[in-house]
C-alpha atoms as a PDB file:
ATOM      1  CA  MET A   1       0.037   0.108   0.050  1.00  0.00           C
ATOM      2  CA  ARG A   2       0.991   3.628  -0.587  1.00  0.00           C
ATOM      3  CA  ALA A   3       2.106   5.777   2.436  1.00  0.00           C
ATOM      4  CA  ARG A   4      -1.261   7.523   2.370  1.00  0.00           C
ATOM      5  CA  ASN A   5      -3.083   4.358   2.374  1.00  0.00           C
ATOM      6  CA  TRP A   6      -0.931   3.012   5.150  1.00  0.00           C
ATOM      7  CA  LEU A   7      -2.046   5.850   7.370  1.00  0.00           C
ATOM      8  CA  LEU A   8      -5.647   5.553   6.507  1.00  0.00           C
ATOM      9  CA  PHE A   9      -5.382   1.707   7.178  1.00  0.00           C
ATOM     10  CA  SER A  10      -3.767   2.336  10.618  1.00  0.00           C
ATOM     11  CA  VAL A  11      -6.775   4.610  11.546  1.00  0.00           C
ATOM     12  CA  MET A  12      -9.159   2.042  10.363  1.00  0.00           C
ATOM     13  CA  ALA A  13      -7.308  -0.746  12.180  1.00  0.00           C
ATOM     14  CA  PHE A  14      -7.308   0.877  15.452  1.00  0.00           C
ATOM     15  CA  LEU A  15     -11.033   1.777  15.318  1.00  0.00           C
ATOM     16  CA  TRP A  16     -11.814  -1.649  14.546  1.00  0.00           C
ATOM     17  CA  GLY A  17      -9.327  -3.302  16.929  1.00  0.00           C
ATOM     18  CA  SER A  18     -10.287  -1.106  19.682  1.00  0.00           C
ATOM     19  CA  ASN A  19     -14.011  -1.830  18.980  1.00  0.00           C
ATOM     20  CA  TRP A  20     -13.924  -5.492  19.829  1.00  0.00           C
ATOM     21  CA  PRO A  21     -13.783  -5.211  23.666  1.00  0.00           C
ATOM     22  CA  VAL A  22     -16.336  -2.305  23.379  1.00  0.00           C
ATOM     23  CA  MET A  23     -18.654  -4.225  21.185  1.00  0.00           C
ATOM     24  CA  LYS A  24     -18.360  -7.252  23.531  1.00  0.00           C
ATOM     25  CA  VAL A  25     -19.642  -5.074  26.388  1.00  0.00           C
ATOM     26  CA  GLY A  26     -22.343  -3.425  24.399  1.00  0.00           C
ATOM     27  CA  LEU A  27     -23.857  -6.722  23.698  1.00  0.00           C
ATOM     28  CA  SER A  28     -24.374  -7.425  27.322  1.00  0.00           C
ATOM     29  CA  TYR A  29     -27.052  -4.679  27.388  1.00  0.00           C
ATOM     30  CA  VAL A  30     -29.299  -5.657  24.416  1.00  0.00           C
ATOM     31  CA  PRO A  31     -29.666  -8.534  21.991  1.00  0.00           C
ATOM     32  CA  ALA A  32     -27.368  -8.589  19.048  1.00  0.00           C
ATOM     33  CA  ILE A  33     -30.146  -7.578  16.442  1.00  0.00           C
ATOM     34  CA  ARG A  34     -31.169  -4.371  18.503  1.00  0.00           C
ATOM     35  CA  PHE A  35     -27.453  -3.617  19.079  1.00  0.00           C
ATOM     36  CA  VAL A  36     -26.680  -3.685  15.359  1.00  0.00           C
ATOM     37  CA  LEU A  37     -29.821  -1.739  14.661  1.00  0.00           C
ATOM     38  CA  HIS A  38     -28.798   1.027  17.234  1.00  0.00           C
ATOM     39  CA  ARG A  39     -25.316   1.117  15.503  1.00  0.00           C
ATOM     40  CA  SER A  40     -26.689   1.403  12.166  1.00  0.00           C
ATOM     41  CA  ILE A  41     -29.292   4.118  12.840  1.00  0.00           C
ATOM     42  CA  LEU A  42     -26.549   6.257  14.802  1.00  0.00           C
ATOM     43  CA  SER A  43     -24.027   5.610  12.065  1.00  0.00           C
ATOM     44  CA  THR A  44     -26.408   6.866   9.410  1.00  0.00           C
ATOM     45  CA  ILE A  45     -27.076   9.999  11.322  1.00  0.00           C
ATOM     46  CA  ALA A  46     -23.460  10.627  11.688  1.00  0.00           C
ATOM     47  CA  LEU A  47     -22.863  10.354   7.872  1.00  0.00           C
ATOM     48  CA  SER A  48     -25.956  12.237   6.675  1.00  0.00           C
ATOM     49  CA  PRO A  49     -24.590  15.823   6.746  1.00  0.00           C
ATOM     50  CA  ILE A  50     -21.602  14.653   4.466  1.00  0.00           C
ATOM     51  CA  PHE A  51     -24.043  12.633   2.380  1.00  0.00           C
ATOM     52  CA  ILE A  52     -26.326  15.418   1.636  1.00  0.00           C
ATOM     53  CA  VAL A  53     -23.305  17.541   0.569  1.00  0.00           C
ATOM     54  CA  MET A  54     -22.246  14.673  -1.799  1.00  0.00           C
ATOM     55  CA  ARG A  55     -25.860  13.772  -2.893  1.00  0.00           C
ATOM     56  CA  LYS A  56     -24.812  14.478  -6.557  1.00  0.00           C
ATOM     57  CA  LYS A  57     -22.617  11.541  -6.589  1.00  0.00           C
ATOM     58  CA  ILE A  58     -25.444   9.126  -5.828  1.00  0.00           C
ATOM     59  CA  PRO A  59     -25.746   6.829  -9.104  1.00  0.00           C
ATOM     60  CA  LYS A  60     -28.990   7.638 -10.992  1.00  0.00           C
ATOM     61  CA  ASP A  61     -29.326   4.297 -12.765  1.00  0.00           C
ATOM     62  CA  ARG A  62     -31.482   1.722 -11.403  1.00  0.00           C
ATOM     63  CA  TRP A  63     -29.005  -1.034 -11.879  1.00  0.00           C
ATOM     64  CA  SER A  64     -26.535   0.557  -9.573  1.00  0.00           C
ATOM     65  CA  LEU A  65     -29.019   1.344  -6.861  1.00  0.00           C
ATOM     66  CA  LEU A  66     -30.099  -2.188  -7.208  1.00  0.00           C
ATOM     67  CA  LYS A  67     -26.511  -3.425  -6.674  1.00  0.00           C
ATOM     68  CA  LEU A  68     -26.174  -1.232  -3.567  1.00  0.00           C
ATOM     69  CA  LEU A  69     -29.330  -2.817  -2.222  1.00  0.00           C
ATOM     70  CA  VAL A  70     -28.037  -6.158  -2.771  1.00  0.00           C
ATOM     71  CA  LEU A  71     -24.441  -5.306  -1.163  1.00  0.00           C
ATOM     72  CA  SER A  72     -26.434  -3.767   1.768  1.00  0.00           C
ATOM     73  CA  ILE A  73     -28.194  -6.813   2.473  1.00  0.00           C
ATOM     74  CA  ILE A  74     -25.243  -8.961   2.382  1.00  0.00           C
ATOM     75  CA  ASN A  75     -23.243  -6.642   4.663  1.00  0.00           C
ATOM     76  CA  VAL A  76     -25.803  -6.315   7.342  1.00  0.00           C
ATOM     77  CA  LEU A  77     -26.520 -10.137   7.319  1.00  0.00           C
ATOM     78  CA  GLY A  78     -22.649 -10.456   7.770  1.00  0.00           C
ATOM     79  CA  VAL A  79     -22.437  -7.957  10.737  1.00  0.00           C
ATOM     80  CA  LEU A  80     -25.522  -9.508  12.336  1.00  0.00           C
ATOM     81  CA  MET A  81     -23.915 -12.842  12.037  1.00  0.00           C
ATOM     82  CA  THR A  82     -20.763 -11.711  13.633  1.00  0.00           C
ATOM     83  CA  ASN A  83     -22.556 -10.045  16.560  1.00  0.00           C
ATOM     84  CA  ILE A  84     -24.804 -12.926  17.275  1.00  0.00           C
ATOM     85  CA  GLY A  85     -21.706 -15.383  17.314  1.00  0.00           C
ATOM     86  CA  LEU A  86     -19.752 -12.842  19.413  1.00  0.00           C
ATOM     87  CA  VAL A  87     -22.423 -13.100  22.155  1.00  0.00           C
ATOM     88  CA  ARG A  88     -21.946 -16.805  22.786  1.00  0.00           C
ATOM     89  CA  GLU A  89     -18.127 -16.627  22.562  1.00  0.00           C
ATOM     90  CA  SER A  90     -15.139 -15.035  23.908  1.00  0.00           C
ATOM     91  CA  SER A  91     -13.694 -11.984  22.132  1.00  0.00           C
ATOM     92  CA  GLY A  92     -10.523 -14.081  21.134  1.00  0.00           C
ATOM     93  CA  ILE A  93     -12.448 -16.677  19.496  1.00  0.00           C
ATOM     94  CA  GLY A  94     -14.812 -14.258  17.872  1.00  0.00           C
ATOM     95  CA  ALA A  95     -11.797 -12.509  16.384  1.00  0.00           C
ATOM     96  CA  VAL A  96     -10.072 -15.696  15.074  1.00  0.00           C
ATOM     97  CA  LEU A  97     -13.205 -16.929  13.514  1.00  0.00           C
ATOM     98  CA  THR A  98     -14.113 -13.512  11.980  1.00  0.00           C
ATOM     99  CA  TYR A  99     -10.526 -13.152  10.497  1.00  0.00           C
ATOM    100  CA  THR A 100     -11.018 -16.157   8.426  1.00  0.00           C
ATOM    101  CA  GLN A 101     -12.352 -13.660   5.946  1.00  0.00           C
ATOM    102  CA  PRO A 102      -8.777 -12.991   4.489  1.00  0.00           C
ATOM    103  CA  LEU A 103      -8.762 -16.553   3.495  1.00  0.00           C
ATOM    104  CA  PHE A 104     -12.275 -16.514   1.826  1.00  0.00           C
ATOM    105  CA  VAL A 105     -11.303 -13.440   0.014  1.00  0.00           C
ATOM    106  CA  PHE A 106      -8.064 -15.013  -1.192  1.00  0.00           C
ATOM    107  CA  CYS A 107     -10.065 -17.942  -2.719  1.00  0.00           C
ATOM    108  CA  LEU A 108     -12.646 -15.620  -4.249  1.00  0.00           C
ATOM    109  CA  ALA A 109     -10.371 -12.669  -5.585  1.00  0.00           C
ATOM    110  CA  VAL A 110      -8.438 -15.021  -7.834  1.00  0.00           C
ATOM    111  CA  PRO A 111     -11.400 -16.248  -9.957  1.00  0.00           C
ATOM    112  CA  PHE A 112     -13.710 -13.300  -9.776  1.00  0.00           C
ATOM    113  CA  LEU A 113     -11.159 -10.286  -9.600  1.00  0.00           C
ATOM    114  CA  LYS A 114      -8.357 -12.033 -11.538  1.00  0.00           C
ATOM    115  CA  GLU A 115      -5.854 -11.017  -8.770  1.00  0.00           C
ATOM    116  CA  ALA A 116      -2.588 -12.961  -8.771  1.00  0.00           C
ATOM    117  CA  ALA A 117      -2.173 -15.759  -6.296  1.00  0.00           C
ATOM    118  CA  THR A 118       1.536 -15.406  -6.042  1.00  0.00           C
ATOM    119  CA  PRO A 119       3.476 -17.987  -3.637  1.00  0.00           C
ATOM    120  CA  ILE A 120       4.394 -15.001  -1.204  1.00  0.00           C
ATOM    121  CA  LYS A 121       0.775 -13.833  -0.869  1.00  0.00           C
ATOM    122  CA  VAL A 122      -0.241 -17.301  -0.271  1.00  0.00           C
ATOM    123  CA  LEU A 123       2.467 -17.685   2.469  1.00  0.00           C
ATOM    124  CA  GLY A 124       1.499 -14.370   3.962  1.00  0.00           C
ATOM    125  CA  THR A 125      -2.023 -15.019   4.259  1.00  0.00           C
ATOM    126  CA  VAL A 126      -1.424 -18.577   5.937  1.00  0.00           C
ATOM    127  CA  ILE A 127       1.245 -17.123   8.349  1.00  0.00           C
ATOM    128  CA  GLY A 128      -1.153 -14.136   9.196  1.00  0.00           C
ATOM    129  CA  PHE A 129      -4.092 -16.460   9.907  1.00  0.00           C
ATOM    130  CA  LEU A 130      -1.626 -19.008  12.011  1.00  0.00           C
ATOM    131  CA  GLY A 131      -0.766 -15.790  14.087  1.00  0.00           C
ATOM    132  CA  VAL A 132      -4.544 -14.901  14.660  1.00  0.00           C
ATOM    133  CA  THR A 133      -5.142 -18.632  15.702  1.00  0.00           C
ATOM    134  CA  VAL A 134      -2.149 -18.454  18.205  1.00  0.00           C
ATOM    135  CA  LEU A 135      -3.795 -15.385  19.910  1.00  0.00           C
ATOM    136  CA  SER A 136      -6.745 -17.410  20.733  1.00  0.00           C
ATOM    137  CA  LEU A 137      -5.372 -20.813  21.635  1.00  0.00           C
ATOM    138  CA  ASP A 138      -6.532 -20.641  25.256  1.00  0.00           C
ATOM    139  CA  GLY A 139     -10.287 -20.651  24.086  1.00  0.00           C
ATOM    140  CA  ILE A 140     -10.220 -23.106  21.164  1.00  0.00           C
ATOM    141  CA  GLU A 141     -11.454 -26.014  23.309  1.00  0.00           C
ATOM    142  CA  SER A 142     -14.555 -23.930  24.519  1.00  0.00           C
ATOM    143  CA  PHE A 143     -16.180 -22.898  21.216  1.00  0.00           C
ATOM    144  CA  THR A 144     -19.492 -24.334  20.439  1.00  0.00           C
ATOM    145  CA  PHE A 145     -20.671 -25.404  16.902  1.00  0.00           C
ATOM    146  CA  ASP A 146     -23.432 -23.042  16.347  1.00  0.00           C
ATOM    147  CA  SER A 147     -21.722 -19.934  17.397  1.00  0.00           C
ATOM    148  CA  THR A 148     -18.661 -21.149  15.426  1.00  0.00           C
ATOM    149  CA  PHE A 149     -20.666 -21.524  12.425  1.00  0.00           C
ATOM    150  CA  THR A 150     -22.349 -18.167  12.738  1.00  0.00           C
ATOM    151  CA  LEU A 151     -19.165 -16.293  13.042  1.00  0.00           C
ATOM    152  CA  ILE A 152     -17.576 -18.028   9.949  1.00  0.00           C
ATOM    153  CA  LEU A 153     -20.839 -17.506   7.951  1.00  0.00           C
ATOM    154  CA  GLY A 154     -20.266 -13.731   9.066  1.00  0.00           C
ATOM    155  CA  ALA A 155     -16.836 -13.962   7.807  1.00  0.00           C
ATOM    156  CA  PHE A 156     -17.749 -15.487   4.300  1.00  0.00           C
ATOM    157  CA  LEU A 157     -20.417 -12.680   3.953  1.00  0.00           C
ATOM    158  CA  TRP A 158     -17.925 -10.034   4.676  1.00  0.00           C
ATOM    159  CA  ALA A 159     -15.559 -11.614   2.085  1.00  0.00           C
ATOM    160  CA  MET A 160     -18.476 -11.591  -0.262  1.00  0.00           C
ATOM    161  CA  THR A 161     -19.013  -7.842   0.091  1.00  0.00           C
ATOM    162  CA  VAL A 162     -15.387  -7.255  -0.573  1.00  0.00           C
ATOM    163  CA  ILE A 163     -15.445  -9.187  -3.938  1.00  0.00           C
ATOM    164  CA  TYR A 164     -19.001  -7.715  -4.692  1.00  0.00           C
ATOM    165  CA  TYR A 165     -18.014  -4.104  -4.140  1.00  0.00           C
ATOM    166  CA  LYS A 166     -14.461  -4.365  -5.763  1.00  0.00           C
ATOM    167  CA  LYS A 167     -16.005  -5.910  -8.905  1.00  0.00           C
ATOM    168  CA  LEU A 168     -19.203  -4.102  -9.295  1.00  0.00           C
ATOM    169  CA  LEU A 169     -19.415  -0.951  -7.310  1.00  0.00           C
ATOM    170  CA  SER A 170     -15.965   0.428  -7.009  1.00  0.00           C
ATOM    171  CA  GLN A 171     -16.969   3.309  -9.225  1.00  0.00           C
ATOM    172  CA  VAL A 172     -19.497   4.509  -6.548  1.00  0.00           C
ATOM    173  CA  ASP A 173     -17.892   6.925  -3.929  1.00  0.00           C
ATOM    174  CA  PRO A 174     -17.065   4.891  -0.856  1.00  0.00           C
ATOM    175  CA  LEU A 175     -18.931   7.366   1.393  1.00  0.00           C
ATOM    176  CA  ILE A 176     -22.155   6.938  -0.811  1.00  0.00           C
ATOM    177  CA  THR A 177     -21.823   3.253  -0.489  1.00  0.00           C
ATOM    178  CA  SER A 178     -21.124   3.337   3.217  1.00  0.00           C
ATOM    179  CA  PHE A 179     -24.248   5.521   3.809  1.00  0.00           C
ATOM    180  CA  PHE A 180     -26.305   3.138   1.591  1.00  0.00           C
ATOM    181  CA  GLN A 181     -24.984   0.054   3.512  1.00  0.00           C
ATOM    182  CA  LEU A 182     -25.811   1.525   6.896  1.00  0.00           C
ATOM    183  CA  SER A 183     -29.112   3.214   6.301  1.00  0.00           C
ATOM    184  CA  MET A 184     -30.487   0.316   4.274  1.00  0.00           C
ATOM    185  CA  GLY A 185     -29.247  -2.035   6.823  1.00  0.00           C
ATOM    186  CA  ALA A 186     -31.109   0.190   9.632  1.00  0.00           C
ATOM    187  CA  ILE A 187     -34.508  -0.208   7.770  1.00  0.00           C
ATOM    188  CA  LEU A 188     -34.090  -4.085   7.356  1.00  0.00           C
ATOM    189  CA  LEU A 189     -32.940  -4.587  10.985  1.00  0.00           C
ATOM    190  CA  ALA A 190     -35.814  -2.122  12.457  1.00  0.00           C
ATOM    191  CA  ALA A 191     -38.321  -4.415  10.762  1.00  0.00           C
ATOM    192  CA  LEU A 192     -36.717  -7.553  12.104  1.00  0.00           C
ATOM    193  CA  SER A 193     -36.487  -5.845  15.566  1.00  0.00           C
ATOM    194  CA  PHE A 194     -40.091  -4.717  15.677  1.00  0.00           C
ATOM    195  CA  ALA A 195     -40.996  -8.391  14.983  1.00  0.00           C
ATOM    196  CA  THR A 196     -38.665  -9.964  17.887  1.00  0.00           C
ATOM    197  CA  GLY A 197     -38.916  -7.514  20.685  1.00  0.00           C
ATOM    198  CA  GLY A 198     -38.794  -3.851  19.850  1.00  0.00           C
ATOM    199  CA  ILE A 199     -36.113  -1.234  19.495  1.00  0.00           C
ATOM    200  CA  ALA A 200     -35.859   0.452  22.769  1.00  0.00           C
ATOM    201  CA  VAL A 201     -32.332   1.923  23.517  1.00  0.00           C
ATOM    202  CA  PRO A 202     -31.212   1.428  27.220  1.00  0.00           C
ATOM    203  CA  ARG A 203     -31.155   4.524  29.369  1.00  0.00           C
ATOM    204  CA  ASP A 204     -27.731   3.992  30.516  1.00  0.00           C
ATOM    205  CA  LEU A 205     -24.766   6.289  30.023  1.00  0.00           C
ATOM    206  CA  ASN A 206     -22.310   3.788  29.482  1.00  0.00           C
ATOM    207  CA  TYR A 207     -24.415   1.962  26.847  1.00  0.00           C
ATOM    208  CA  LEU A 208     -24.776   5.271  25.148  1.00  0.00           C
ATOM    209  CA  LEU A 209     -21.065   6.119  25.161  1.00  0.00           C
ATOM    210  CA  ILE A 210     -20.364   2.506  23.697  1.00  0.00           C
ATOM    211  CA  LEU A 211     -22.942   3.155  21.145  1.00  0.00           C
ATOM    212  CA  LEU A 212     -21.365   6.360  20.091  1.00  0.00           C
ATOM    213  CA  TYR A 213     -17.982   4.814  19.535  1.00  0.00           C
ATOM    214  CA  THR A 214     -18.944   1.724  17.734  1.00  0.00           C
ATOM    215  CA  SER A 215     -21.146   3.625  15.539  1.00  0.00           C
ATOM    216  CA  VAL A 216     -19.318   6.749  14.551  1.00  0.00           C
ATOM    217  CA  GLY A 217     -15.765   5.157  15.053  1.00  0.00           C
ATOM    218  CA  ALA A 218     -15.992   1.597  13.893  1.00  0.00           C
ATOM    219  CA  SER A 219     -18.934   1.778  11.673  1.00  0.00           C
ATOM    220  CA  ALA A 220     -19.283   5.265  10.079  1.00  0.00           C
ATOM    221  CA  ILE A 221     -15.498   6.112   9.799  1.00  0.00           C
ATOM    222  CA  GLY A 222     -14.172   2.782   9.799  1.00  0.00           C
ATOM    223  CA  TRP A 223     -16.328   1.152   7.111  1.00  0.00           C
ATOM    224  CA  THR A 224     -15.955   4.231   4.794  1.00  0.00           C
ATOM    225  CA  LEU A 225     -12.128   3.971   5.112  1.00  0.00           C
ATOM    226  CA  TRP A 226     -12.266   0.208   4.495  1.00  0.00           C
ATOM    227  CA  LEU A 227     -14.342   0.955   1.128  1.00  0.00           C
ATOM    228  CA  LEU A 228     -11.901   3.633   0.237  1.00  0.00           C
ATOM    229  CA  LEU A 229      -8.922   1.355   0.639  1.00  0.00           C
ATOM    230  CA  LEU A 230     -10.649  -1.537  -1.051  1.00  0.00           C
ATOM    231  CA  ARG A 231     -11.272   0.598  -4.100  1.00  0.00           C
ATOM    232  CA  GLU A 232      -7.540   1.470  -4.510  1.00  0.00           C
ATOM    233  CA  GLU A 233      -5.842  -1.499  -3.291  1.00  0.00           C
ATOM    234  CA  ASP A 234      -5.742  -5.315  -4.221  1.00  0.00           C
ATOM    235  CA  ALA A 235      -8.361  -7.197  -2.037  1.00  0.00           C
ATOM    236  CA  ILE A 236      -6.197 -10.052  -1.191  1.00  0.00           C
ATOM    237  CA  VAL A 237      -3.513  -7.433   0.085  1.00  0.00           C
ATOM    238  CA  LEU A 238      -6.000  -5.221   2.129  1.00  0.00           C
ATOM    239  CA  SER A 239      -7.665  -8.396   3.648  1.00  0.00           C
ATOM    240  CA  GLY A 240      -4.452  -9.878   4.474  1.00  0.00           C
ATOM    241  CA  SER A 241      -3.176  -6.658   6.145  1.00  0.00           C
ATOM    242  CA  SER A 242      -6.575  -6.652   8.352  1.00  0.00           C
ATOM    243  CA  PHE A 243      -4.939  -9.648  10.302  1.00  0.00           C
ATOM    244  CA  VAL A 244      -3.497  -6.827  12.440  1.00  0.00           C
ATOM    245  CA  VAL A 245      -7.053  -6.103  13.717  1.00  0.00           C
ATOM    246  CA  PRO A 246      -7.211  -9.140  16.228  1.00  0.00           C
ATOM    247  CA  MET A 247      -3.837  -8.083  17.463  1.00  0.00           C
ATOM    248  CA  ILE A 248      -4.974  -4.729  18.421  1.00  0.00           C
ATOM    249  CA  ALA A 249      -8.083  -6.128  19.758  1.00  0.00           C
ATOM    250  CA  LEU A 250      -5.939  -8.248  22.106  1.00  0.00           C
ATOM    251  CA  ILE A 251      -4.175  -5.132  23.462  1.00  0.00           C
ATOM    252  CA  PHE A 252      -7.395  -3.226  24.058  1.00  0.00           C
ATOM    253  CA  GLY A 253      -8.985  -6.459  25.675  1.00  0.00           C
ATOM    254  CA  TRP A 254      -6.075  -6.169  28.140  1.00  0.00           C
ATOM    255  CA  LEU A 255      -6.702  -2.425  28.729  1.00  0.00           C
ATOM    256  CA  ILE A 256     -10.502  -2.355  28.952  1.00  0.00           C
ATOM    257  CA  LEU A 257     -11.480  -5.853  30.117  1.00  0.00           C
ATOM    258  CA  GLY A 258      -8.259  -6.797  32.000  1.00  0.00           C
ATOM    259  CA  GLU A 259      -7.608  -9.983  29.669  1.00  0.00           C
ATOM    260  CA  GLU A 260      -4.078 -11.497  30.309  1.00  0.00           C
ATOM    261  CA  LEU A 261      -1.349 -11.073  27.873  1.00  0.00           C
ATOM    262  CA  GLN A 262       0.695 -14.177  27.557  1.00  0.00           C
ATOM    263  CA  VAL A 263       3.760 -15.312  25.556  1.00  0.00           C
ATOM    264  CA  ARG A 264       1.434 -16.781  22.981  1.00  0.00           C
ATOM    265  CA  SER A 265       0.295 -13.206  22.569  1.00  0.00           C
ATOM    266  CA  ILE A 266       3.796 -12.007  21.513  1.00  0.00           C
ATOM    267  CA  VAL A 267       4.280 -14.997  19.190  1.00  0.00           C
ATOM    268  CA  GLY A 268       0.886 -14.672  17.656  1.00  0.00           C
ATOM    269  CA  SER A 269       1.529 -10.938  16.981  1.00  0.00           C
ATOM    270  CA  ALA A 270       4.949 -11.524  15.273  1.00  0.00           C
ATOM    271  CA  LEU A 271       3.444 -14.044  13.064  1.00  0.00           C
ATOM    272  CA  ILE A 272       0.581 -11.492  12.130  1.00  0.00           C
ATOM    273  CA  LEU A 273       3.258  -8.843  11.293  1.00  0.00           C
ATOM    274  CA  VAL A 274       5.340 -11.132   9.241  1.00  0.00           C
ATOM    275  CA  GLY A 275       2.119 -12.364   7.368  1.00  0.00           C
ATOM    276  CA  VAL A 276       1.081  -8.694   6.845  1.00  0.00           C
ATOM    277  CA  TYR A 277       4.687  -7.726   5.567  1.00  0.00           C
ATOM    278  CA  LEU A 278       4.565 -10.592   3.061  1.00  0.00           C
ATOM    279  CA  VAL A 279       1.173  -9.983   1.516  1.00  0.00           C
ATOM    280  CA  ASN A 280       2.300  -6.295   1.042  1.00  0.00           C
ATOM    281  CA  LEU A 281       5.802  -7.206  -0.300  1.00  0.00           C
ATOM    282  CA  GLN A 282       4.733  -7.945  -3.750  1.00  0.00           C
ATOM    283  CA  ALA A 283       2.660  -4.910  -3.937  1.00  0.00           C
ATOM    284  CA  ARG A 284       5.745  -2.764  -2.840  1.00  0.00           C
ATOM    285  CA  ARG A 285       7.766  -4.269  -5.596  1.00  0.00           C
ATOM    286  CA  GLY A 286       4.865  -3.477  -8.110  1.00  0.00           C
ATOM    287  CA  GLY A 287       3.922  -7.119  -8.728  1.00  0.00           C
END
């Protein structure tokens, strides 16, 4: 990645990594469907002023709007699956299963995006995922099949949005796409929430602060940066680089939730950094 994109990626990775323990606490207040709905609504509100200013960039043809709708449905289902799975698993297991996403992207990007599957990228992706796995070794024996399947399904749906946007919608401004994803997702989730228990927001200051951070930071800003980077970088390189997010989540889990840092954390982090270096090596050389 270019220097400017590395800076944007660093901001995004920080927002997403720090969001894992915050999101885990937020899910203790309300069911996953309602939590994702609250995030989507607040994220939409946060992006609305910029969206209004940039409204001339909204696609006018029905085909593009239809593709945005399909992308929004896939995205909200993926986020929902991740949050449902996280309720029943530790943040470590949630991270390792969610970050099977780069493996799915790697498999899909070669046939659909015609990206090169070089040996270096393959090695970097495998080492990066191995590092994520090492970070979560303590909880591997405790996972349950249903939550594991739900988290992996969320990861697969996330990978689908990566390929879908890169192939069919990269000409649409990332902020416009992000707004559509969040607003359409909020509409779908609102209907589902009304049918399963309502949309009430807890009157708790801590929950409101959690909601503010996860909505404005991780969703509104984080997803917009992700789409911007995805438009400009190889899907394999960007997804492989995202292995650093669980590593950042581990640090914030220690700071916020008091989770213990062990030798395996250092080993896993080192493997992740090696993997990220390798998947970016070919791009830096112009390959």
